[in-house]
PDB file of all heavy atoms in Angstrom:
ATOM      1  N   ILE A   1       0.845  -1.195   0.001  1.00  0.00           N
ATOM      2  CA  ILE A   1       0.002  -0.003  -0.004  1.00  0.00           C
ATOM      3  C   ILE A   1       0.885   1.245  -0.001  1.00  0.00           C
ATOM      4  O   ILE A   1       1.717   1.429   0.892  1.00  0.00           O
ATOM      5  CB  ILE A   1      -0.943   0.019   1.218  1.00  0.00           C
ATOM      6  CG1 ILE A   1      -1.920  -1.167   1.136  1.00  0.00           C
ATOM      7  CG2 ILE A   1      -1.721   1.331   1.272  1.00  0.00           C
ATOM      8  CD1 ILE A   1      -2.882  -1.240   2.283  1.00  0.00           C
ATOM      9  N   LYS A   2       0.711   2.064  -1.000  1.00  0.00           N
ATOM     10  CA  LYS A   2       1.477   3.298  -1.132  1.00  0.00           C
ATOM     11  C   LYS A   2       0.642   4.469  -0.613  1.00  0.00           C
ATOM     12  O   LYS A   2      -0.568   4.510  -0.810  1.00  0.00           O
ATOM     13  CB  LYS A   2       1.854   3.547  -2.598  1.00  0.00           C
ATOM     14  CG  LYS A   2       2.452   2.329  -3.314  1.00  0.00           C
ATOM     15  CD  LYS A   2       3.706   1.810  -2.631  1.00  0.00           C
ATOM     16  CE  LYS A   2       4.255   0.580  -3.351  1.00  0.00           C
ATOM     17  NZ  LYS A   2       5.442   0.019  -2.644  1.00  0.00           N
ATOM     18  N   LYS A   3       1.302   5.406   0.059  1.00  0.00           N
ATOM     19  CA  LYS A   3       0.608   6.555   0.633  1.00  0.00           C
ATOM     20  C   LYS A   3       1.226   7.861   0.141  1.00  0.00           C
ATOM     21  O   LYS A   3       2.442   7.992   0.097  1.00  0.00           O
ATOM     22  CB  LYS A   3       0.668   6.528   2.164  1.00  0.00           C
ATOM     23  CG  LYS A   3      -0.022   5.335   2.804  1.00  0.00           C
ATOM     24  CD  LYS A   3       0.039   5.419   4.325  1.00  0.00           C
ATOM     25  CE  LYS A   3      -0.653   4.219   4.970  1.00  0.00           C
ATOM     26  NZ  LYS A   3      -0.635   4.301   6.451  1.00  0.00           N
ATOM     27  N   VAL A   4       0.357   8.790  -0.210  1.00  0.00           N
ATOM     28  CA  VAL A   4       0.797  10.132  -0.592  1.00  0.00           C
ATOM     29  C   VAL A   4       0.030  11.129   0.277  1.00  0.00           C
ATOM     30  O   VAL A   4      -1.209  11.222   0.187  1.00  0.00           O
ATOM     31  CB  VAL A   4       0.513  10.423  -2.072  1.00  0.00           C
ATOM     32  CG1 VAL A   4       0.907  11.873  -2.404  1.00  0.00           C
ATOM     33  CG2 VAL A   4       1.277   9.446  -2.968  1.00  0.00           C
ATOM     34  N   PHE A   5       0.740  11.845   1.141  1.00  0.00           N
ATOM     35  CA  PHE A   5       0.106  12.849   1.992  1.00  0.00           C
ATOM     36  C   PHE A   5       0.136  14.198   1.285  1.00  0.00           C
ATOM     37  O   PHE A   5       1.148  14.594   0.705  1.00  0.00           O
ATOM     38  CB  PHE A   5       0.829  12.942   3.345  1.00  0.00           C
ATOM     39  CG  PHE A   5       0.648  11.706   4.184  1.00  0.00           C
ATOM     40  CD1 PHE A   5       1.618  10.709   4.209  1.00  0.00           C
ATOM     41  CD2 PHE A   5      -0.503  11.534   4.946  1.00  0.00           C
ATOM     42  CE1 PHE A   5       1.464   9.574   4.972  1.00  0.00           C
ATOM     43  CE2 PHE A   5      -0.676  10.387   5.704  1.00  0.00           C
ATOM     44  CZ  PHE A   5       0.307   9.414   5.729  1.00  0.00           C
ATOM     45  N   VAL A   6      -0.995  14.900   1.326  1.00  0.00           N
ATOM     46  CA  VAL A   6      -1.165  16.125   0.561  1.00  0.00           C
ATOM     47  C   VAL A   6      -1.121  17.327   1.483  1.00  0.00           C
ATOM     48  O   VAL A   6      -1.857  17.406   2.466  1.00  0.00           O
ATOM     49  CB  VAL A   6      -2.506  16.101  -0.209  1.00  0.00           C
ATOM     50  CG1 VAL A   6      -2.654  17.374  -1.041  1.00  0.00           C
ATOM     51  CG2 VAL A   6      -2.591  14.866  -1.092  1.00  0.00           C
ATOM     52  N   ASP A   7      -0.252  18.273   1.162  1.00  0.00           N
ATOM     53  CA  ASP A   7      -0.189  19.539   1.887  1.00  0.00           C
ATOM     54  C   ASP A   7      -1.439  20.355   1.535  1.00  0.00           C
ATOM     55  O   ASP A   7      -1.635  20.707   0.374  1.00  0.00           O
ATOM     56  CB  ASP A   7       1.070  20.306   1.471  1.00  0.00           C
ATOM     57  CG  ASP A   7       1.260  21.607   2.257  1.00  0.00           C
ATOM     58  OD1 ASP A   7       0.280  22.099   2.838  1.00  0.00           O
ATOM     59  OD2 ASP A   7       2.389  22.120   2.268  1.00  0.00           O
ATOM     60  N   PRO A   8      -2.295  20.641   2.513  1.00  0.00           N
ATOM     61  CA  PRO A   8      -3.553  21.331   2.197  1.00  0.00           C
ATOM     62  C   PRO A   8      -3.367  22.736   1.649  1.00  0.00           C
ATOM     63  O   PRO A   8      -4.270  23.271   1.001  1.00  0.00           O
ATOM     64  CB  PRO A   8      -4.286  21.367   3.545  1.00  0.00           C
ATOM     65  CG  PRO A   8      -3.216  21.221   4.577  1.00  0.00           C
ATOM     66  CD  PRO A   8      -2.169  20.355   3.950  1.00  0.00           C
ATOM     67  N   SER A   9      -2.196  23.334   1.876  1.00  0.00           N
ATOM     68  CA  SER A   9      -1.980  24.696   1.387  1.00  0.00           C
ATOM     69  C   SER A   9      -1.709  24.743  -0.120  1.00  0.00           C
ATOM     70  O   SER A   9      -1.917  25.793  -0.752  1.00  0.00           O
ATOM     71  CB  SER A   9      -0.824  25.357   2.135  1.00  0.00           C
ATOM     72  OG  SER A   9       0.398  24.666   1.874  1.00  0.00           O
ATOM     73  N   VAL A  10      -1.298  23.619  -0.697  1.00  0.00           N
ATOM     74  CA  VAL A  10      -0.986  23.612  -2.139  1.00  0.00           C
ATOM     75  C   VAL A  10      -1.750  22.541  -2.898  1.00  0.00           C
ATOM     76  O   VAL A  10      -1.824  22.588  -4.120  1.00  0.00           O
ATOM     77  CB  VAL A  10       0.533  23.438  -2.374  1.00  0.00           C
ATOM     78  CG1 VAL A  10       1.304  24.615  -1.821  1.00  0.00           C
ATOM     79  CG2 VAL A  10       1.048  22.128  -1.777  1.00  0.00           C
ATOM     80  N   GLY A  11      -2.314  21.560  -2.188  1.00  0.00           N
ATOM     81  CA  GLY A  11      -3.043  20.489  -2.856  1.00  0.00           C
ATOM     82  C   GLY A  11      -2.122  19.436  -3.451  1.00  0.00           C
ATOM     83  O   GLY A  11      -0.896  19.500  -3.302  1.00  0.00           O
ATOM     84  N   LEU A  12      -2.700  18.473  -4.116  1.00  0.00           N
ATOM     85  CA  LEU A  12      -1.902  17.416  -4.751  1.00  0.00           C
ATOM     86  C   LEU A  12      -1.127  18.006  -5.920  1.00  0.00           C
ATOM     87  O   LEU A  12      -1.694  18.657  -6.795  1.00  0.00           O
ATOM     88  CB  LEU A  12      -2.819  16.291  -5.244  1.00  0.00           C
ATOM     89  CG  LEU A  12      -2.134  15.121  -5.942  1.00  0.00           C
ATOM     90  CD1 LEU A  12      -1.261  14.355  -4.946  1.00  0.00           C
ATOM     91  CD2 LEU A  12      -3.157  14.194  -6.577  1.00  0.00           C
ATOM     92  N   ARG A  13       0.171  17.777  -5.917  1.00  0.00           N
ATOM     93  CA  ARG A  13       1.032  18.293  -6.985  1.00  0.00           C
ATOM     94  C   ARG A  13       1.227  17.225  -8.053  1.00  0.00           C
ATOM     95  O   ARG A  13       1.274  16.020  -7.752  1.00  0.00           O
ATOM     96  CB  ARG A  13       2.404  18.723  -6.430  1.00  0.00           C
ATOM     97  CG  ARG A  13       2.337  19.634  -5.220  1.00  0.00           C
ATOM     98  CD  ARG A  13       1.410  20.823  -5.431  1.00  0.00           C
ATOM     99  NE  ARG A  13       1.857  21.678  -6.514  1.00  0.00           N
ATOM    100  CZ  ARG A  13       1.091  22.558  -7.137  1.00  0.00           C
ATOM    101  NH1 ARG A  13      -0.187  22.669  -6.809  1.00  0.00           N
ATOM    102  NH2 ARG A  13       1.585  23.316  -8.097  1.00  0.00           N
ATOM    103  N   PRO A  14       1.370  17.624  -9.321  1.00  0.00           N
ATOM    104  CA  PRO A  14       1.566  16.651 -10.404  1.00  0.00           C
ATOM    105  C   PRO A  14       2.739  15.713 -10.181  1.00  0.00           C
ATOM    106  O   PRO A  14       2.666  14.538 -10.536  1.00  0.00           O
ATOM    107  CB  PRO A  14       1.769  17.545 -11.626  1.00  0.00           C
ATOM    108  CG  PRO A  14       1.006  18.795 -11.305  1.00  0.00           C
ATOM    109  CD  PRO A  14       1.208  19.001  -9.834  1.00  0.00           C
ATOM    110  N   TYR A  15       3.829  16.221  -9.580  1.00  0.00           N
ATOM    111  CA  TYR A  15       4.984  15.359  -9.388  1.00  0.00           C
ATOM    112  C   TYR A  15       4.663  14.220  -8.403  1.00  0.00           C
ATOM    113  O   TYR A  15       5.188  13.097  -8.528  1.00  0.00           O
ATOM    114  CB  TYR A  15       6.205  16.154  -8.914  1.00  0.00           C
ATOM    115  CG  TYR A  15       6.230  16.491  -7.444  1.00  0.00           C
ATOM    116  CD1 TYR A  15       6.765  15.595  -6.508  1.00  0.00           C
ATOM    117  CD2 TYR A  15       5.723  17.693  -6.971  1.00  0.00           C
ATOM    118  CE1 TYR A  15       6.797  15.895  -5.163  1.00  0.00           C
ATOM    119  CE2 TYR A  15       5.748  18.003  -5.625  1.00  0.00           C
ATOM    120  CZ  TYR A  15       6.280  17.103  -4.709  1.00  0.00           C
ATOM    121  OH  TYR A  15       6.289  17.395  -3.384  1.00  0.00           O
ATOM    122  N   GLN A  16       3.778  14.504  -7.409  1.00  0.00           N
ATOM    123  CA  GLN A  16       3.375  13.455  -6.475  1.00  0.00           C
ATOM    124  C   GLN A  16       2.571  12.379  -7.192  1.00  0.00           C
ATOM    125  O   GLN A  16       2.760  11.179  -6.958  1.00  0.00           O
ATOM    126  CB  GLN A  16       2.546  14.056  -5.337  1.00  0.00           C
ATOM    127  CG  GLN A  16       3.318  14.958  -4.392  1.00  0.00           C
ATOM    128  CD  GLN A  16       2.399  15.575  -3.333  1.00  0.00           C
ATOM    129  OE1 GLN A  16       1.452  16.296  -3.679  1.00  0.00           O
ATOM    130  NE2 GLN A  16       2.674  15.283  -2.082  1.00  0.00           N
ATOM    131  N   ALA A  17       1.645  12.813  -8.046  1.00  0.00           N
ATOM    132  CA  ALA A  17       0.842  11.870  -8.813  1.00  0.00           C
ATOM    133  C   ALA A  17       1.725  11.052  -9.759  1.00  0.00           C
ATOM    134  O   ALA A  17       1.513   9.852  -9.952  1.00  0.00           O
ATOM    135  CB  ALA A  17      -0.235  12.611  -9.595  1.00  0.00           C
ATOM    136  N   ASN A  18       2.737  11.694 -10.323  1.00  0.00           N
ATOM    137  CA  ASN A  18       3.657  11.013 -11.241  1.00  0.00           C
ATOM    138  C   ASN A  18       4.477   9.952 -10.498  1.00  0.00           C
ATOM    139  O   ASN A  18       4.638   8.822 -10.981  1.00  0.00           O
ATOM    140  CB  ASN A  18       4.591  12.040 -11.879  1.00  0.00           C
ATOM    141  CG  ASN A  18       5.372  11.469 -13.055  1.00  0.00           C
ATOM    142  OD1 ASN A  18       4.799  11.157 -14.093  1.00  0.00           O
ATOM    143  ND2 ASN A  18       6.682  11.319 -12.869  1.00  0.00           N
ATOM    144  N   GLU A  19       4.974  10.304  -9.319  1.00  0.00           N
ATOM    145  CA  GLU A  19       5.737   9.349  -8.508  1.00  0.00           C
ATOM    146  C   GLU A  19       4.858   8.149  -8.126  1.00  0.00           C
ATOM    147  O   GLU A  19       5.320   7.010  -8.145  1.00  0.00           O
ATOM    148  CB  GLU A  19       6.272  10.029  -7.238  1.00  0.00           C
ATOM    149  CG  GLU A  19       7.402  11.007  -7.503  1.00  0.00           C
ATOM    150  CD  GLU A  19       7.867  11.711  -6.235  1.00  0.00           C
ATOM    151  OE1 GLU A  19       7.208  11.519  -5.173  1.00  0.00           O
ATOM    152  OE2 GLU A  19       8.862  12.441  -6.290  1.00  0.00           O
ATOM    153  N   LEU A  20       3.600   8.423  -7.800  1.00  0.00           N
ATOM    154  CA  LEU A  20       2.684   7.352  -7.422  1.00  0.00           C
ATOM    155  C   LEU A  20       2.454   6.392  -8.593  1.00  0.00           C
ATOM    156  O   LEU A  20       2.433   5.174  -8.431  1.00  0.00           O
ATOM    157  CB  LEU A  20       1.352   7.942  -6.951  1.00  0.00           C
ATOM    158  CG  LEU A  20       0.297   6.938  -6.480  1.00  0.00           C
ATOM    159  CD1 LEU A  20       0.806   6.120  -5.306  1.00  0.00           C
ATOM    160  CD2 LEU A  20      -0.987   7.672  -6.078  1.00  0.00           C
ATOM    161  N   ALA A  21       2.303   6.944  -9.785  1.00  0.00           N
ATOM    162  CA  ALA A  21       2.099   6.115 -10.976  1.00  0.00           C
ATOM    163  C   ALA A  21       3.285   5.171 -11.189  1.00  0.00           C
ATOM    164  O   ALA A  21       3.099   3.990 -11.525  1.00  0.00           O
ATOM    165  CB  ALA A  21       1.894   6.996 -12.200  1.00  0.00           C
ATOM    166  N   PHE A  22       4.500   5.664 -10.972  1.00  0.00           N
ATOM    167  CA  PHE A  22       5.669   4.812 -11.138  1.00  0.00           C
ATOM    168  C   PHE A  22       5.793   3.783 -10.007  1.00  0.00           C
ATOM    169  O   PHE A  22       6.220   2.657 -10.224  1.00  0.00           O
ATOM    170  CB  PHE A  22       6.952   5.658 -11.229  1.00  0.00           C
ATOM    171  CG  PHE A  22       7.218   6.171 -12.608  1.00  0.00           C
ATOM    172  CD1 PHE A  22       6.842   7.456 -12.971  1.00  0.00           C
ATOM    173  CD2 PHE A  22       7.818   5.355 -13.569  1.00  0.00           C
ATOM    174  CE1 PHE A  22       7.075   7.943 -14.262  1.00  0.00           C
ATOM    175  CE2 PHE A  22       8.056   5.817 -14.863  1.00  0.00           C
ATOM    176  CZ  PHE A  22       7.682   7.122 -15.203  1.00  0.00           C
ATOM    177  N   GLU A  23       5.396   4.182  -8.779  1.00  0.00           N
ATOM    178  CA  GLU A  23       5.437   3.230  -7.672  1.00  0.00           C
ATOM    179  C   GLU A  23       4.478   2.071  -7.908  1.00  0.00           C
ATOM    180  O   GLU A  23       4.708   0.946  -7.452  1.00  0.00           O
ATOM    181  CB  GLU A  23       5.068   3.935  -6.356  1.00  0.00           C
ATOM    182  CG  GLU A  23       6.183   4.801  -5.790  1.00  0.00           C
ATOM    183  CD  GLU A  23       5.858   5.261  -4.383  1.00  0.00           C
ATOM    184  OE1 GLU A  23       5.851   4.431  -3.464  1.00  0.00           O
ATOM    185  OE2 GLU A  23       5.600   6.468  -4.202  1.00  0.00           O
ATOM    186  N   LEU A  24       3.383   2.332  -8.621  1.00  0.00           N
ATOM    187  CA  LEU A  24       2.418   1.282  -8.951  1.00  0.00           C
ATOM    188  C   LEU A  24       2.850   0.483 -10.177  1.00  0.00           C
ATOM    189  O   LEU A  24       2.118  -0.415 -10.603  1.00  0.00           O
ATOM    190  CB  LEU A  24       1.044   1.904  -9.185  1.00  0.00           C
ATOM    191  CG  LEU A  24       0.388   2.568  -7.963  1.00  0.00           C
ATOM    192  CD1 LEU A  24      -0.911   3.262  -8.359  1.00  0.00           C
ATOM    193  CD2 LEU A  24       0.129   1.555  -6.857  1.00  0.00           C
ATOM    194  N   LYS A  25       4.004   0.837 -10.730  1.00  0.00           N
ATOM    195  CA  LYS A  25       4.584   0.114 -11.870  1.00  0.00           C
ATOM    196  C   LYS A  25       3.679   0.096 -13.088  1.00  0.00           C
ATOM    197  O   LYS A  25       3.628  -0.898 -13.836  1.00  0.00           O
ATOM    198  CB  LYS A  25       4.956  -1.313 -11.452  1.00  0.00           C
ATOM    199  CG  LYS A  25       5.958  -1.362 -10.305  1.00  0.00           C
ATOM    200  CD  LYS A  25       6.270  -2.782  -9.882  1.00  0.00           C
ATOM    201  CE  LYS A  25       7.266  -2.782  -8.716  1.00  0.00           C
ATOM    202  NZ  LYS A  25       7.599  -4.170  -8.270  1.00  0.00           N
ATOM    203  N   ILE A  26       2.974   1.182 -13.278  1.00  0.00           N
ATOM    204  CA  ILE A  26       2.080   1.285 -14.425  1.00  0.00           C
ATOM    205  C   ILE A  26       2.871   1.244 -15.732  1.00  0.00           C
ATOM    206  O   ILE A  26       2.409   0.691 -16.746  1.00  0.00           O
ATOM    207  CB  ILE A  26       1.230   2.573 -14.326  1.00  0.00           C
ATOM    208  CG1 ILE A  26       0.251   2.436 -13.159  1.00  0.00           C
ATOM    209  CG2 ILE A  26       0.502   2.877 -15.621  1.00  0.00           C
ATOM    210  CD1 ILE A  26      -0.543   3.675 -12.864  1.00  0.00           C
TER     211      ILE A  26
END
């Protein structure tokens, strides 16, 4: 299970979503 915590002041950043996609080995 992979976790990405989001800073509420800036929201989810594209680089975080990109890292998650690679962690899931898409």
